[in-house]
Amino acid sequence: MNTNEEAAATASPYPPLNLGVRAHDFGQVPLDALIAKIRQHSFTCVQFAVKKSFPDSVPDFSALSPGTAAYFGGAFRQAGIHLAVLGCYVNIVASDPAERNRALSDFAVHLRLARDFGASLVGTETGSVGNGYTPDNFTEEAFQRVVESVRWMVAEAERFGVTVGIEAGLNHPLYTAGLTRRLLEEVPSRNLQVILDCANLLSPDNYLRQEDIIAEALDLLGDRIAVLHLKDFRVEQGRLEIVPVGQGDMQFRPLLHYMKYKRPHIQGLLESTPEEDMEASVAYLKRLYEQL
């Protein structure tokens, strides 16, 4: 932070932008190098999916132990980095009952160990009822499968005093803010919160209406949003392509306005921005935030 930025931060009555990153966006590097990279970019928090960052430490989710959690969690704590989301992205709506049960069991392991990691929120998307994209995801049956799984996950979370973070995605059974609101009503527990990634709700068909889509998501989900993912995109040849934050068409101002005025100190996690672009992306977001 330069002198001008320090002066602006001191003068502002609002808290600074609370930015973090997905740990695995730095690739698979040794733990000390990962922590150094996170601190180099002045990120205050991370989303940590241990199997993605350190697969050798997790040959299988059943191999996770309190020792594993204490090892990684202790290192982040010592470095002053908060673990905003413990990532366990599994398919909780798989049509194969055995696959679905494995997914729920793996998620339960993360719930049980979340406090040892130093996290209070375990996050996932819903997955797909098929192998990848299928129109069957857009059925009432698929949504009810989400409800059934999430209800069980939340009951487990309540046992351990932690929270389930659910993330909607356009091609998943939970594909709109409206359905996400409905899920919150069907599973009425404060141990269920939302990880909001507005880019996940956009497509080549609706991205020109993104202001309305973002406004609806913030209105419907309100204070049930625990964390925001900050991701950018461009539409090229009829496809929505993810690009580094600040280089695309994502309208971040309403999200940053929400973070600054509605939910001060809420964590925003940079997603899918390559390491070489992070400095510019962080500067872009901070500039927008200060202008609001």
C-alpha atoms as a PDB file:
ATOM      1  CA  MET A   1       0.000   0.000   0.000  1.00  0.00           C
ATOM      2  CA  ASN A   2       1.489   3.362  -1.004  1.00  0.00           C
ATOM      3  CA  THR A   3       1.296   6.611   0.981  1.00  0.00           C
ATOM      4  CA  ASN A   4      -1.813   7.840  -0.838  1.00  0.00           C
ATOM      5  CA  GLU A   5      -3.631   4.533  -0.266  1.00  0.00           C
ATOM      6  CA  GLU A   6      -2.672   4.590   3.424  1.00  0.00           C
ATOM      7  CA  ALA A   7      -4.002   8.133   3.765  1.00  0.00           C
ATOM      8  CA  ALA A   8      -7.269   7.191   2.021  1.00  0.00           C
ATOM      9  CA  ALA A   9      -7.674   4.140   4.242  1.00  0.00           C
ATOM     10  CA  THR A  10      -7.031   6.249   7.353  1.00  0.00           C
ATOM     11  CA  ALA A  11      -9.480   8.949   6.275  1.00  0.00           C
ATOM     12  CA  SER A  12     -12.309   6.588   5.301  1.00  0.00           C
ATOM     13  CA  PRO A  13     -14.909   5.770   7.984  1.00  0.00           C
ATOM     14  CA  TYR A  14     -15.525   2.441   6.225  1.00  0.00           C
ATOM     15  CA  PRO A  15     -13.462  -0.717   6.696  1.00  0.00           C
ATOM     16  CA  PRO A  16     -10.963  -1.658   3.990  1.00  0.00           C
ATOM     17  CA  LEU A  17     -11.890  -4.222   1.364  1.00  0.00           C
ATOM     18  CA  ASN A  18     -11.498  -7.681   2.919  1.00  0.00           C
ATOM     19  CA  LEU A  19      -9.966  -9.717   0.103  1.00  0.00           C
ATOM     20  CA  GLY A  20      -8.852 -13.317  -0.021  1.00  0.00           C
ATOM     21  CA  VAL A  21      -8.111 -15.983  -2.597  1.00  0.00           C
ATOM     22  CA  ARG A  22      -8.581 -19.673  -3.302  1.00  0.00           C
ATOM     23  CA  ALA A  23      -5.366 -21.329  -2.172  1.00  0.00           C
ATOM     24  CA  HIS A  24      -5.265 -23.700  -5.143  1.00  0.00           C
ATOM     25  CA  ASP A  25      -5.196 -20.767  -7.575  1.00  0.00           C
ATOM     26  CA  PHE A  26      -1.484 -20.662  -6.679  1.00  0.00           C
ATOM     27  CA  GLY A  27      -1.125 -24.263  -7.834  1.00  0.00           C
ATOM     28  CA  GLN A  28       0.428 -27.075  -5.815  1.00  0.00           C
ATOM     29  CA  VAL A  29       3.367 -25.518  -3.970  1.00  0.00           C
ATOM     30  CA  PRO A  30       4.945 -26.223  -0.555  1.00  0.00           C
ATOM     31  CA  LEU A  31       3.033 -24.839   2.401  1.00  0.00           C
ATOM     32  CA  ASP A  32       5.607 -22.198   3.316  1.00  0.00           C
ATOM     33  CA  ALA A  33       5.696 -20.992  -0.296  1.00  0.00           C
ATOM     34  CA  LEU A  34       1.879 -20.878  -0.435  1.00  0.00           C
ATOM     35  CA  ILE A  35       1.710 -18.781   2.717  1.00  0.00           C
ATOM     36  CA  ALA A  36       4.418 -16.448   1.394  1.00  0.00           C
ATOM     37  CA  LYS A  37       2.470 -15.937  -1.833  1.00  0.00           C
ATOM     38  CA  ILE A  38      -0.775 -15.218   0.032  1.00  0.00           C
ATOM     39  CA  ARG A  39       0.969 -12.652   2.245  1.00  0.00           C
ATOM     40  CA  GLN A  40       2.823 -11.116  -0.701  1.00  0.00           C
ATOM     41  CA  HIS A  41      -0.528 -10.096  -2.192  1.00  0.00           C
ATOM     42  CA  SER A  42      -1.829  -8.912   1.206  1.00  0.00           C
ATOM     43  CA  PHE A  43      -4.747 -11.355   1.175  1.00  0.00           C
ATOM     44  CA  THR A  44      -6.349 -11.630   4.604  1.00  0.00           C
ATOM     45  CA  CYS A  45      -8.146 -14.937   4.086  1.00  0.00           C
ATOM     46  CA  VAL A  46      -8.309 -18.051   1.923  1.00  0.00           C
ATOM     47  CA  GLN A  47     -10.608 -20.717   0.658  1.00  0.00           C
ATOM     48  CA  PHE A  48      -8.710 -23.915   1.310  1.00  0.00           C
ATOM     49  CA  ALA A  49      -9.469 -27.223  -0.389  1.00  0.00           C
ATOM     50  CA  VAL A  50      -6.733 -29.360   1.109  1.00  0.00           C
ATOM     51  CA  LYS A  51      -6.950 -32.161  -1.473  1.00  0.00           C
ATOM     52  CA  LYS A  52      -6.552 -29.666  -4.346  1.00  0.00           C
ATOM     53  CA  SER A  53      -3.546 -27.897  -2.836  1.00  0.00           C
ATOM     54  CA  PHE A  54      -1.860 -30.864  -1.127  1.00  0.00           C
ATOM     55  CA  PRO A  55      -3.089 -34.107  -2.700  1.00  0.00           C
ATOM     56  CA  ASP A  56      -0.214 -36.116  -1.183  1.00  0.00           C
ATOM     57  CA  SER A  57      -1.507 -35.243   2.285  1.00  0.00           C
ATOM     58  CA  VAL A  58      -4.990 -36.504   1.417  1.00  0.00           C
ATOM     59  CA  PRO A  59      -4.848 -39.808  -0.487  1.00  0.00           C
ATOM     60  CA  ASP A  60      -8.522 -40.124   0.407  1.00  0.00           C
ATOM     61  CA  PHE A  61     -10.876 -37.885   2.379  1.00  0.00           C
ATOM     62  CA  SER A  62     -11.204 -40.655   4.963  1.00  0.00           C
ATOM     63  CA  ALA A  63      -7.472 -40.171   5.621  1.00  0.00           C
ATOM     64  CA  LEU A  64      -8.076 -36.663   6.979  1.00  0.00           C
ATOM     65  CA  SER A  65      -7.360 -36.505  10.701  1.00  0.00           C
ATOM     66  CA  PRO A  66      -7.284 -33.871  13.440  1.00  0.00           C
ATOM     67  CA  GLY A  67      -3.521 -33.905  12.941  1.00  0.00           C
ATOM     68  CA  THR A  68      -3.871 -32.985   9.259  1.00  0.00           C
ATOM     69  CA  ALA A  69      -6.258 -30.194  10.158  1.00  0.00           C
ATOM     70  CA  ALA A  70      -4.061 -28.861  12.963  1.00  0.00           C
ATOM     71  CA  TYR A  71      -0.969 -28.902  10.724  1.00  0.00           C
ATOM     72  CA  PHE A  72      -2.497 -26.756   7.979  1.00  0.00           C
ATOM     73  CA  GLY A  73      -4.771 -24.710  10.215  1.00  0.00           C
ATOM     74  CA  GLY A  74      -1.943 -23.880  12.599  1.00  0.00           C
ATOM     75  CA  ALA A  75       0.277 -22.687   9.755  1.00  0.00           C
ATOM     76  CA  PHE A  76      -2.422 -20.321   8.454  1.00  0.00           C
ATOM     77  CA  ARG A  77      -3.161 -19.006  11.944  1.00  0.00           C
ATOM     78  CA  GLN A  78       0.503 -18.326  12.668  1.00  0.00           C
ATOM     79  CA  ALA A  79       0.699 -16.345   9.423  1.00  0.00           C
ATOM     80  CA  GLY A  80      -2.373 -14.300  10.341  1.00  0.00           C
ATOM     81  CA  ILE A  81      -4.429 -15.749   7.478  1.00  0.00           C
ATOM     82  CA  HIS A  82      -8.058 -16.580   8.210  1.00  0.00           C
ATOM     83  CA  LEU A  83      -9.530 -19.729   6.689  1.00  0.00           C
ATOM     84  CA  ALA A  84     -12.775 -18.273   5.315  1.00  0.00           C
ATOM     85  CA  VAL A  85     -13.995 -21.424   3.570  1.00  0.00           C
ATOM     86  CA  LEU A  86     -12.919 -25.013   3.997  1.00  0.00           C
ATOM     87  CA  GLY A  87     -13.624 -26.305   0.507  1.00  0.00           C
ATOM     88  CA  CYS A  88     -15.157 -29.744  -0.027  1.00  0.00           C
ATOM     89  CA  TYR A  89     -16.707 -29.587  -3.489  1.00  0.00           C
ATOM     90  CA  VAL A  90     -18.480 -32.914  -3.907  1.00  0.00           C
ATOM     91  CA  ASN A  91     -21.513 -34.138  -5.846  1.00  0.00           C
ATOM     92  CA  ILE A  92     -24.289 -34.165  -3.266  1.00  0.00           C
ATOM     93  CA  VAL A  93     -26.993 -34.996  -5.844  1.00  0.00           C
ATOM     94  CA  ALA A  94     -25.360 -37.890  -7.700  1.00  0.00           C
ATOM     95  CA  SER A  95     -27.864 -40.366  -9.133  1.00  0.00           C
ATOM     96  CA  ASP A  96     -25.762 -43.311  -7.974  1.00  0.00           C
ATOM     97  CA  PRO A  97     -26.677 -43.739  -4.276  1.00  0.00           C
ATOM     98  CA  ALA A  98     -23.194 -45.075  -3.440  1.00  0.00           C
ATOM     99  CA  GLU A  99     -21.508 -42.041  -5.022  1.00  0.00           C
ATOM    100  CA  ARG A 100     -23.870 -39.678  -3.270  1.00  0.00           C
ATOM    101  CA  ASN A 101     -23.307 -41.347   0.110  1.00  0.00           C
ATOM    102  CA  ARG A 102     -19.539 -41.091  -0.375  1.00  0.00           C
ATOM    103  CA  ALA A 103     -19.899 -37.387  -1.150  1.00  0.00           C
ATOM    104  CA  LEU A 104     -21.965 -36.773   1.975  1.00  0.00           C
ATOM    105  CA  SER A 105     -19.551 -38.805   4.069  1.00  0.00           C
ATOM    106  CA  ASP A 106     -16.593 -36.799   2.729  1.00  0.00           C
ATOM    107  CA  PHE A 107     -18.410 -33.562   3.504  1.00  0.00           C
ATOM    108  CA  ALA A 108     -19.163 -34.789   7.020  1.00  0.00           C
ATOM    109  CA  VAL A 109     -15.443 -35.411   7.616  1.00  0.00           C
ATOM    110  CA  HIS A 110     -14.779 -31.764   6.746  1.00  0.00           C
ATOM    111  CA  LEU A 111     -17.563 -30.618   9.070  1.00  0.00           C
ATOM    112  CA  ARG A 112     -16.106 -32.661  11.918  1.00  0.00           C
ATOM    113  CA  LEU A 113     -12.590 -31.274  11.383  1.00  0.00           C
ATOM    114  CA  ALA A 114     -13.515 -27.694  10.444  1.00  0.00           C
ATOM    115  CA  ARG A 115     -12.690 -26.280  13.881  1.00  0.00           C
ATOM    116  CA  ASP A 116      -9.315 -28.063  13.875  1.00  0.00           C
ATOM    117  CA  PHE A 117      -8.580 -26.364  10.551  1.00  0.00           C
ATOM    118  CA  GLY A 118      -9.651 -23.037  12.057  1.00  0.00           C
ATOM    119  CA  ALA A 119     -12.682 -22.702   9.782  1.00  0.00           C
ATOM    120  CA  SER A 120     -16.349 -22.258  10.641  1.00  0.00           C
ATOM    121  CA  LEU A 121     -17.734 -22.671   7.094  1.00  0.00           C
ATOM    122  CA  VAL A 122     -17.474 -25.752   4.851  1.00  0.00           C
ATOM    123  CA  GLY A 123     -18.411 -25.027   1.247  1.00  0.00           C
ATOM    124  CA  THR A 124     -19.652 -26.945  -1.764  1.00  0.00           C
ATOM    125  CA  GLU A 125     -21.702 -26.621  -4.922  1.00  0.00           C
ATOM    126  CA  THR A 126     -24.513 -29.106  -5.497  1.00  0.00           C
ATOM    127  CA  GLY A 127     -22.992 -31.053  -8.368  1.00  0.00           C
ATOM    128  CA  SER A 128     -25.092 -32.748 -11.049  1.00  0.00           C
ATOM    129  CA  VAL A 129     -27.614 -35.559 -11.183  1.00  0.00           C
ATOM    130  CA  GLY A 130     -25.860 -36.747 -14.348  1.00  0.00           C
ATOM    131  CA  ASN A 131     -22.285 -37.025 -15.562  1.00  0.00           C
ATOM    132  CA  GLY A 132     -21.672 -33.315 -16.142  1.00  0.00           C
ATOM    133  CA  TYR A 133     -24.302 -31.144 -17.778  1.00  0.00           C
ATOM    134  CA  THR A 134     -27.804 -32.544 -18.109  1.00  0.00           C
ATOM    135  CA  PRO A 135     -31.225 -30.855 -18.464  1.00  0.00           C
ATOM    136  CA  ASP A 136     -32.359 -33.198 -15.677  1.00  0.00           C
ATOM    137  CA  ASN A 137     -30.693 -30.735 -13.282  1.00  0.00           C
ATOM    138  CA  PHE A 138     -33.501 -28.262 -13.935  1.00  0.00           C
ATOM    139  CA  THR A 139     -36.273 -30.474 -12.564  1.00  0.00           C
ATOM    140  CA  GLU A 140     -38.169 -30.353  -9.292  1.00  0.00           C
ATOM    141  CA  GLU A 141     -36.872 -33.851  -8.550  1.00  0.00           C
ATOM    142  CA  ALA A 142     -33.274 -32.611  -8.761  1.00  0.00           C
ATOM    143  CA  PHE A 143     -34.040 -29.669  -6.489  1.00  0.00           C
ATOM    144  CA  GLN A 144     -35.651 -31.947  -3.930  1.00  0.00           C
ATOM    145  CA  ARG A 145     -32.520 -34.077  -3.953  1.00  0.00           C
ATOM    146  CA  VAL A 146     -30.556 -30.922  -3.082  1.00  0.00           C
ATOM    147  CA  VAL A 147     -32.958 -30.270  -0.205  1.00  0.00           C
ATOM    148  CA  GLU A 148     -32.623 -33.825   1.094  1.00  0.00           C
ATOM    149  CA  SER A 149     -28.817 -33.763   1.037  1.00  0.00           C
ATOM    150  CA  VAL A 150     -28.481 -30.257   2.433  1.00  0.00           C
ATOM    151  CA  ARG A 151     -30.908 -31.019   5.252  1.00  0.00           C
ATOM    152  CA  TRP A 152     -28.700 -33.930   6.290  1.00  0.00           C
ATOM    153  CA  MET A 153     -25.501 -31.853   5.940  1.00  0.00           C
ATOM    154  CA  VAL A 154     -26.926 -29.039   8.047  1.00  0.00           C
ATOM    155  CA  ALA A 155     -27.973 -31.456  10.799  1.00  0.00           C
ATOM    156  CA  GLU A 156     -24.347 -32.654  10.894  1.00  0.00           C
ATOM    157  CA  ALA A 157     -23.082 -29.067  10.901  1.00  0.00           C
ATOM    158  CA  GLU A 158     -25.303 -28.235  13.870  1.00  0.00           C
ATOM    159  CA  ARG A 159     -23.784 -31.137  15.805  1.00  0.00           C
ATOM    160  CA  PHE A 160     -20.283 -29.680  15.396  1.00  0.00           C
ATOM    161  CA  GLY A 161     -21.188 -26.003  15.681  1.00  0.00           C
ATOM    162  CA  VAL A 162     -20.125 -25.124  12.148  1.00  0.00           C
ATOM    163  CA  THR A 163     -21.862 -23.924   8.990  1.00  0.00           C
ATOM    164  CA  VAL A 164     -22.618 -25.320   5.533  1.00  0.00           C
ATOM    165  CA  GLY A 165     -21.889 -22.878   2.713  1.00  0.00           C
ATOM    166  CA  ILE A 166     -23.833 -23.701  -0.461  1.00  0.00           C
ATOM    167  CA  GLU A 167     -22.916 -22.219  -3.848  1.00  0.00           C
ATOM    168  CA  ALA A 168     -25.307 -21.993  -6.784  1.00  0.00           C
ATOM    169  CA  GLY A 169     -24.182 -22.680 -10.347  1.00  0.00           C
ATOM    170  CA  LEU A 170     -25.971 -22.102 -13.635  1.00  0.00           C
ATOM    171  CA  ASN A 171     -26.034 -25.720 -14.821  1.00  0.00           C
ATOM    172  CA  HIS A 172     -26.613 -27.256 -11.396  1.00  0.00           C
ATOM    173  CA  PRO A 173     -29.934 -28.067  -9.690  1.00  0.00           C
ATOM    174  CA  LEU A 174     -29.398 -24.874  -7.679  1.00  0.00           C
ATOM    175  CA  TYR A 175     -29.057 -22.468 -10.599  1.00  0.00           C
ATOM    176  CA  THR A 176     -30.762 -19.197  -9.603  1.00  0.00           C
ATOM    177  CA  ALA A 177     -30.891 -16.878  -6.607  1.00  0.00           C
ATOM    178  CA  GLY A 178     -34.601 -17.663  -6.358  1.00  0.00           C
ATOM    179  CA  LEU A 179     -33.982 -21.391  -5.949  1.00  0.00           C
ATOM    180  CA  THR A 180     -31.251 -20.655  -3.426  1.00  0.00           C
ATOM    181  CA  ARG A 181     -33.735 -18.567  -1.423  1.00  0.00           C
ATOM    182  CA  ARG A 182     -36.196 -21.430  -1.606  1.00  0.00           C
ATOM    183  CA  LEU A 183     -33.535 -23.820  -0.272  1.00  0.00           C
ATOM    184  CA  LEU A 184     -32.919 -21.502   2.692  1.00  0.00           C
ATOM    185  CA  GLU A 185     -36.644 -21.614   3.447  1.00  0.00           C
ATOM    186  CA  GLU A 186     -36.867 -25.403   3.073  1.00  0.00           C
ATOM    187  CA  VAL A 187     -33.893 -25.912   5.399  1.00  0.00           C
ATOM    188  CA  PRO A 188     -34.566 -23.177   7.980  1.00  0.00           C
ATOM    189  CA  SER A 189     -31.292 -23.246   9.892  1.00  0.00           C
ATOM    190  CA  ARG A 190     -28.766 -20.472  10.410  1.00  0.00           C
ATOM    191  CA  ASN A 191     -26.129 -23.180  10.015  1.00  0.00           C
ATOM    192  CA  LEU A 192     -26.880 -22.961   6.293  1.00  0.00           C
ATOM    193  CA  GLN A 193     -25.357 -19.943   4.545  1.00  0.00           C
ATOM    194  CA  VAL A 194     -24.599 -18.929   0.955  1.00  0.00           C
ATOM    195  CA  ILE A 195     -21.352 -18.583  -0.953  1.00  0.00           C
ATOM    196  CA  LEU A 196     -22.390 -16.129  -3.650  1.00  0.00           C
ATOM    197  CA  ASP A 197     -20.639 -16.196  -7.021  1.00  0.00           C
ATOM    198  CA  CYS A 198     -22.704 -14.010  -9.337  1.00  0.00           C
ATOM    199  CA  ALA A 199     -20.622 -15.020 -12.356  1.00  0.00           C
ATOM    200  CA  ASN A 200     -21.938 -18.551 -11.764  1.00  0.00           C
ATOM    201  CA  LEU A 201     -25.463 -17.261 -12.432  1.00  0.00           C
ATOM    202  CA  LEU A 202     -24.596 -15.725 -15.803  1.00  0.00           C
ATOM    203  CA  SER A 203     -24.617 -17.148 -19.317  1.00  0.00           C
ATOM    204  CA  PRO A 204     -24.230 -15.871 -22.892  1.00  0.00           C
ATOM    205  CA  ASP A 205     -28.022 -15.529 -22.900  1.00  0.00           C
ATOM    206  CA  ASN A 206     -28.466 -13.424 -19.761  1.00  0.00           C
ATOM    207  CA  TYR A 207     -25.187 -11.613 -19.062  1.00  0.00           C
ATOM    208  CA  LEU A 208     -26.497  -8.347 -20.523  1.00  0.00           C
ATOM    209  CA  ARG A 209     -29.057  -8.396 -17.691  1.00  0.00           C
ATOM    210  CA  GLN A 210     -26.431  -8.965 -15.040  1.00  0.00           C
ATOM    211  CA  GLU A 211     -27.299  -5.792 -13.092  1.00  0.00           C
ATOM    212  CA  ASP A 212     -30.787  -7.174 -12.456  1.00  0.00           C
ATOM    213  CA  ILE A 213     -29.464 -10.667 -11.688  1.00  0.00           C
ATOM    214  CA  ILE A 214     -26.913  -9.336  -9.184  1.00  0.00           C
ATOM    215  CA  ALA A 215     -29.486  -7.027  -7.571  1.00  0.00           C
ATOM    216  CA  GLU A 216     -31.936  -9.916  -7.227  1.00  0.00           C
ATOM    217  CA  ALA A 217     -29.298 -12.174  -5.657  1.00  0.00           C
ATOM    218  CA  LEU A 218     -28.261  -9.544  -3.111  1.00  0.00           C
ATOM    219  CA  ASP A 219     -31.901  -8.774  -2.302  1.00  0.00           C
ATOM    220  CA  LEU A 220     -33.108 -12.364  -1.973  1.00  0.00           C
ATOM    221  CA  LEU A 221     -30.087 -13.736  -0.118  1.00  0.00           C
ATOM    222  CA  GLY A 222     -29.214 -10.652   1.929  1.00  0.00           C
ATOM    223  CA  ASP A 223     -27.594 -11.438   5.253  1.00  0.00           C
ATOM    224  CA  ARG A 224     -27.479 -15.177   4.488  1.00  0.00           C
ATOM    225  CA  ILE A 225     -24.470 -14.528   2.236  1.00  0.00           C
ATOM    226  CA  ALA A 226     -21.387 -15.604   4.192  1.00  0.00           C
ATOM    227  CA  VAL A 227     -18.717 -15.092   1.529  1.00  0.00           C
ATOM    228  CA  LEU A 228     -18.546 -13.710  -2.012  1.00  0.00           C
ATOM    229  CA  HIS A 229     -16.520 -15.147  -4.874  1.00  0.00           C
ATOM    230  CA  LEU A 230     -15.152 -12.455  -7.176  1.00  0.00           C
ATOM    231  CA  LYS A 231     -14.735 -13.779 -10.698  1.00  0.00           C
ATOM    232  CA  ASP A 232     -14.674 -12.115 -14.133  1.00  0.00           C
ATOM    233  CA  PHE A 233     -15.704 -13.234 -17.618  1.00  0.00           C
ATOM    234  CA  ARG A 234     -16.006 -12.334 -21.278  1.00  0.00           C
ATOM    235  CA  VAL A 235     -18.417 -13.748 -23.834  1.00  0.00           C
ATOM    236  CA  GLU A 236     -16.520 -14.933 -26.895  1.00  0.00           C
ATOM    237  CA  GLN A 237     -18.034 -16.816 -29.832  1.00  0.00           C
ATOM    238  CA  GLY A 238     -21.192 -17.486 -27.860  1.00  0.00           C
ATOM    239  CA  ARG A 239     -19.334 -18.905 -24.857  1.00  0.00           C
ATOM    240  CA  LEU A 240     -18.766 -17.406 -21.429  1.00  0.00           C
ATOM    241  CA  GLU A 241     -15.027 -17.551 -20.753  1.00  0.00           C
ATOM    242  CA  ILE A 242     -13.446 -16.836 -17.353  1.00  0.00           C
ATOM    243  CA  VAL A 243     -10.734 -14.142 -17.403  1.00  0.00           C
ATOM    244  CA  PRO A 244      -8.640 -12.404 -14.711  1.00  0.00           C
ATOM    245  CA  VAL A 245     -10.629 -10.012 -12.541  1.00  0.00           C
ATOM    246  CA  GLY A 246     -10.717  -6.557 -14.128  1.00  0.00           C
ATOM    247  CA  GLN A 247     -10.231  -7.815 -17.685  1.00  0.00           C
ATOM    248  CA  GLY A 248     -13.804  -8.780 -18.496  1.00  0.00           C
ATOM    249  CA  ASP A 249     -17.437  -7.723 -18.414  1.00  0.00           C
ATOM    250  CA  MET A 250     -18.350  -8.509 -14.811  1.00  0.00           C
ATOM    251  CA  GLN A 251     -19.907  -5.527 -13.046  1.00  0.00           C
ATOM    252  CA  PHE A 252     -18.251  -5.528  -9.642  1.00  0.00           C
ATOM    253  CA  ARG A 253     -19.567  -2.192  -8.378  1.00  0.00           C
ATOM    254  CA  PRO A 254     -22.858  -3.529  -6.927  1.00  0.00           C
ATOM    255  CA  LEU A 255     -20.995  -6.360  -5.200  1.00  0.00           C
ATOM    256  CA  LEU A 256     -18.404  -3.991  -3.761  1.00  0.00           C
ATOM    257  CA  HIS A 257     -21.133  -1.558  -2.713  1.00  0.00           C
ATOM    258  CA  TYR A 258     -22.810  -4.421  -0.828  1.00  0.00           C
ATOM    259  CA  MET A 259     -19.491  -5.322   0.807  1.00  0.00           C
ATOM    260  CA  LYS A 260     -18.759  -1.745   1.830  1.00  0.00           C
ATOM    261  CA  TYR A 261     -22.140  -0.473   3.000  1.00  0.00           C
ATOM    262  CA  LYS A 262     -24.388  -3.480   3.661  1.00  0.00           C
ATOM    263  CA  ARG A 263     -21.973  -6.093   5.042  1.00  0.00           C
ATOM    264  CA  PRO A 264     -18.768  -4.376   6.228  1.00  0.00           C
ATOM    265  CA  HIS A 265     -15.852  -6.819   6.690  1.00  0.00           C
ATOM    266  CA  ILE A 266     -17.507  -9.598   4.649  1.00  0.00           C
ATOM    267  CA  GLN A 267     -14.868 -11.634   2.849  1.00  0.00           C
ATOM    268  CA  GLY A 268     -14.516 -11.519  -0.929  1.00  0.00           C
ATOM    269  CA  LEU A 269     -12.444 -14.295  -2.462  1.00  0.00           C
ATOM    270  CA  LEU A 270     -10.670 -13.801  -5.769  1.00  0.00           C
ATOM    271  CA  GLU A 271     -11.351 -16.795  -7.998  1.00  0.00           C
ATOM    272  CA  SER A 272      -9.746 -18.113 -11.208  1.00  0.00           C
ATOM    273  CA  THR A 273      -7.319 -15.205 -11.534  1.00  0.00           C
ATOM    274  CA  PRO A 274      -3.809 -16.470 -12.397  1.00  0.00           C
ATOM    275  CA  GLU A 275      -1.043 -15.531  -9.992  1.00  0.00           C
ATOM    276  CA  GLU A 276       0.646 -13.246 -12.520  1.00  0.00           C
ATOM    277  CA  ASP A 277      -2.550 -11.164 -12.772  1.00  0.00           C
ATOM    278  CA  MET A 278      -3.406 -10.984  -9.083  1.00  0.00           C
ATOM    279  CA  GLU A 279      -1.616  -7.733  -8.313  1.00  0.00           C
ATOM    280  CA  ALA A 280      -3.458  -5.875 -11.076  1.00  0.00           C
ATOM    281  CA  SER A 281      -6.775  -7.517 -10.164  1.00  0.00           C
ATOM    282  CA  VAL A 282      -6.474  -6.591  -6.498  1.00  0.00           C
ATOM    283  CA  ALA A 283      -5.570  -3.003  -7.403  1.00  0.00           C
ATOM    284  CA  TYR A 284      -8.597  -2.835  -9.718  1.00  0.00           C
ATOM    285  CA  LEU A 285     -11.017  -4.020  -7.029  1.00  0.00           C
ATOM    286  CA  LYS A 286      -9.551  -1.708  -4.381  1.00  0.00           C
ATOM    287  CA  ARG A 287      -9.796   1.255  -6.749  1.00  0.00           C
ATOM    288  CA  LEU A 288     -13.476   0.559  -7.428  1.00  0.00           C
ATOM    289  CA  TYR A 289     -14.145   0.039  -3.728  1.00  0.00           C
ATOM    290  CA  GLU A 290     -12.561   3.365  -2.789  1.00  0.00           C
ATOM    291  CA  GLN A 291     -14.558   5.185  -5.486  1.00  0.00           C
ATOM    292  CA  LEU A 292     -17.922   4.024  -4.112  1.00  0.00           C
END
